[in-house]
Amino acid sequence: MGYVRGLRHGAIAGAILALLYAPRLGLNTRPRVSRLLGQAEAMLSADNGGPRPTATPRRERQAEQKIARSAAIGRTTMDQTVEKTVDRLASCSIGPTRRPRISR
């Protein structure tokens, strides 16, 4: 039982991270995330035999805003990490140092 629960939680976390770093615009991704989370809630409540909890539009907006903030923080952190790594690699290279271009 613990293995299945861990596997399920890992799959959910992986899906969320994949959506956050997806190459789509946030305007396209947020409604999709809301829909997928609603489907996941329905599946989980069906597994437990309980009624499906419904989210109010206000809570959905709050969740979308929270996801957008988390994605922005994640992108900023990732950009900073890449820049630091590139700088570190450029300073350690042998011979003429040339900073590689990073295309965005």
C-alpha atoms as a PDB file:
ATOM      1  CA  MET A   1       0.000   0.000   0.000  1.00  0.00           C
ATOM      2  CA  GLY A   2       2.829   2.423   0.873  1.00  0.00           C
ATOM      3  CA  TYR A   3       4.613   1.726  -2.395  1.00  0.00           C
ATOM      4  CA  VAL A   4       1.510   2.437  -4.461  1.00  0.00           C
ATOM      5  CA  ARG A   5       0.851   5.657  -2.545  1.00  0.00           C
ATOM      6  CA  GLY A   6       4.455   6.784  -3.064  1.00  0.00           C
ATOM      7  CA  LEU A   7       4.253   5.896  -6.728  1.00  0.00           C
ATOM      8  CA  ARG A   8       1.017   7.873  -7.097  1.00  0.00           C
ATOM      9  CA  HIS A   9       2.423  10.913  -5.273  1.00  0.00           C
ATOM     10  CA  GLY A  10       5.580  10.774  -7.391  1.00  0.00           C
ATOM     11  CA  ALA A  11       3.535  10.618 -10.572  1.00  0.00           C
ATOM     12  CA  ILE A  12       1.444  13.597  -9.484  1.00  0.00           C
ATOM     13  CA  ALA A  13       4.531  15.634  -8.539  1.00  0.00           C
ATOM     14  CA  GLY A  14       6.183  14.747 -11.854  1.00  0.00           C
ATOM     15  CA  ALA A  15       3.098  15.754 -13.789  1.00  0.00           C
ATOM     16  CA  ILE A  16       2.923  19.089 -11.990  1.00  0.00           C
ATOM     17  CA  LEU A  17       6.600  19.821 -12.654  1.00  0.00           C
ATOM     18  CA  ALA A  18       6.208  18.830 -16.287  1.00  0.00           C
ATOM     19  CA  LEU A  19       3.303  21.242 -16.666  1.00  0.00           C
ATOM     20  CA  LEU A  20       5.188  24.049 -14.945  1.00  0.00           C
ATOM     21  CA  TYR A  21       8.161  23.721 -17.266  1.00  0.00           C
ATOM     22  CA  ALA A  22       6.134  23.023 -20.378  1.00  0.00           C
ATOM     23  CA  PRO A  23       6.987  25.130 -23.432  1.00  0.00           C
ATOM     24  CA  ARG A  24       3.462  26.562 -23.647  1.00  0.00           C
ATOM     25  CA  LEU A  25       2.265  29.967 -22.558  1.00  0.00           C
ATOM     26  CA  GLY A  26       0.805  30.240 -19.093  1.00  0.00           C
ATOM     27  CA  LEU A  27      -2.504  31.397 -20.525  1.00  0.00           C
ATOM     28  CA  ASN A  28      -2.827  28.063 -22.314  1.00  0.00           C
ATOM     29  CA  THR A  29      -1.421  25.939 -19.509  1.00  0.00           C
ATOM     30  CA  ARG A  30      -3.396  27.243 -16.513  1.00  0.00           C
ATOM     31  CA  PRO A  31      -6.858  26.170 -17.738  1.00  0.00           C
ATOM     32  CA  ARG A  32      -5.405  22.806 -18.662  1.00  0.00           C
ATOM     33  CA  VAL A  33      -3.887  22.428 -15.179  1.00  0.00           C
ATOM     34  CA  SER A  34      -7.222  23.328 -13.573  1.00  0.00           C
ATOM     35  CA  ARG A  35      -9.034  20.785 -15.724  1.00  0.00           C
ATOM     36  CA  LEU A  36      -6.481  18.058 -14.996  1.00  0.00           C
ATOM     37  CA  LEU A  37      -6.560  18.760 -11.266  1.00  0.00           C
ATOM     38  CA  GLY A  38     -10.348  18.522 -11.337  1.00  0.00           C
ATOM     39  CA  GLN A  39     -10.108  15.175 -13.092  1.00  0.00           C
ATOM     40  CA  ALA A  40      -7.534  13.966 -10.558  1.00  0.00           C
ATOM     41  CA  GLU A  41      -9.800  15.027  -7.688  1.00  0.00           C
ATOM     42  CA  ALA A  42     -12.679  13.157  -9.276  1.00  0.00           C
ATOM     43  CA  MET A  43     -10.594  10.011  -9.660  1.00  0.00           C
ATOM     44  CA  LEU A  44      -9.289  10.199  -6.092  1.00  0.00           C
ATOM     45  CA  SER A  45     -12.726  10.844  -4.607  1.00  0.00           C
ATOM     46  CA  ALA A  46     -14.121   7.976  -6.674  1.00  0.00           C
ATOM     47  CA  ASP A  47     -11.392   5.744  -5.194  1.00  0.00           C
ATOM     48  CA  ASN A  48     -12.383   6.789  -1.671  1.00  0.00           C
ATOM     49  CA  GLY A  49     -16.104   6.546  -2.337  1.00  0.00           C
ATOM     50  CA  GLY A  50     -16.705  10.126  -1.183  1.00  0.00           C
ATOM     51  CA  PRO A  51     -18.372  13.001  -2.978  1.00  0.00           C
ATOM     52  CA  ARG A  52     -16.257  15.085  -5.319  1.00  0.00           C
ATOM     53  CA  PRO A  53     -15.346  18.406  -3.710  1.00  0.00           C
ATOM     54  CA  THR A  54     -16.096  21.347  -5.971  1.00  0.00           C
ATOM     55  CA  ALA A  55     -13.891  24.411  -6.054  1.00  0.00           C
ATOM     56  CA  THR A  56     -15.340  27.879  -6.195  1.00  0.00           C
ATOM     57  CA  PRO A  57     -14.245  30.234  -8.981  1.00  0.00           C
ATOM     58  CA  ARG A  58     -12.379  32.309  -6.391  1.00  0.00           C
ATOM     59  CA  ARG A  59     -10.383  29.299  -5.209  1.00  0.00           C
ATOM     60  CA  GLU A  60      -9.644  28.331  -8.794  1.00  0.00           C
ATOM     61  CA  ARG A  61      -8.305  31.836  -9.489  1.00  0.00           C
ATOM     62  CA  GLN A  62      -6.198  31.679  -6.338  1.00  0.00           C
ATOM     63  CA  ALA A  63      -4.812  28.296  -7.358  1.00  0.00           C
ATOM     64  CA  GLU A  64      -4.017  29.568 -10.849  1.00  0.00           C
ATOM     65  CA  GLN A  65      -2.229  32.607  -9.414  1.00  0.00           C
ATOM     66  CA  LYS A  66      -0.254  30.410  -7.024  1.00  0.00           C
ATOM     67  CA  ILE A  67       0.791  28.111  -9.872  1.00  0.00           C
ATOM     68  CA  ALA A  68       1.831  31.099 -11.988  1.00  0.00           C
ATOM     69  CA  ARG A  69       3.932  32.538  -9.138  1.00  0.00           C
ATOM     70  CA  SER A  70       5.581  29.186  -8.506  1.00  0.00           C
ATOM     71  CA  ALA A  71       6.363  28.775 -12.194  1.00  0.00           C
ATOM     72  CA  ALA A  72       7.888  32.265 -12.370  1.00  0.00           C
ATOM     73  CA  ILE A  73      10.053  31.578  -9.322  1.00  0.00           C
ATOM     74  CA  GLY A  74      11.120  28.237 -10.783  1.00  0.00           C
ATOM     75  CA  ARG A  75      12.045  29.803 -14.127  1.00  0.00           C
ATOM     76  CA  THR A  76      14.033  32.571 -12.421  1.00  0.00           C
ATOM     77  CA  THR A  77      15.880  30.088 -10.228  1.00  0.00           C
ATOM     78  CA  MET A  78      16.626  27.860 -13.202  1.00  0.00           C
ATOM     79  CA  ASP A  79      17.916  30.819 -15.263  1.00  0.00           C
ATOM     80  CA  GLN A  80      20.178  31.910 -12.417  1.00  0.00           C
ATOM     81  CA  THR A  81      21.518  28.387 -11.979  1.00  0.00           C
ATOM     82  CA  VAL A  82      22.246  28.073 -15.693  1.00  0.00           C
ATOM     83  CA  GLU A  83      24.021  31.439 -15.728  1.00  0.00           C
ATOM     84  CA  LYS A  84      26.167  30.489 -12.714  1.00  0.00           C
ATOM     85  CA  THR A  85      27.036  27.144 -14.281  1.00  0.00           C
ATOM     86  CA  VAL A  86      27.974  28.758 -17.592  1.00  0.00           C
ATOM     87  CA  ASP A  87      30.138  31.328 -15.798  1.00  0.00           C
ATOM     88  CA  ARG A  88      31.802  28.602 -13.740  1.00  0.00           C
ATOM     89  CA  LEU A  89      32.495  26.499 -16.821  1.00  0.00           C
ATOM     90  CA  ALA A  90      33.816  29.501 -18.743  1.00  0.00           C
ATOM     91  CA  SER A  91      36.230  30.371 -15.935  1.00  0.00           C
ATOM     92  CA  CYS A  92      37.550  26.790 -15.733  1.00  0.00           C
ATOM     93  CA  SER A  93      38.183  26.269 -19.434  1.00  0.00           C
ATOM     94  CA  ILE A  94      41.712  25.804 -20.756  1.00  0.00           C
ATOM     95  CA  GLY A  95      42.887  28.044 -23.542  1.00  0.00           C
ATOM     96  CA  PRO A  96      41.036  31.052 -24.872  1.00  0.00           C
ATOM     97  CA  THR A  97      37.884  31.568 -22.882  1.00  0.00           C
ATOM     98  CA  ARG A  98      34.765  32.157 -24.819  1.00  0.00           C
ATOM     99  CA  ARG A  99      31.368  32.401 -23.244  1.00  0.00           C
ATOM    100  CA  PRO A 100      28.847  30.277 -25.149  1.00  0.00           C
ATOM    101  CA  ARG A 101      25.642  31.875 -26.349  1.00  0.00           C
ATOM    102  CA  ILE A 102      22.458  30.805 -24.687  1.00  0.00           C
ATOM    103  CA  SER A 103      19.434  31.070 -26.922  1.00  0.00           C
ATOM    104  CA  ARG A 104      16.064  31.576 -25.312  1.00  0.00           C
END
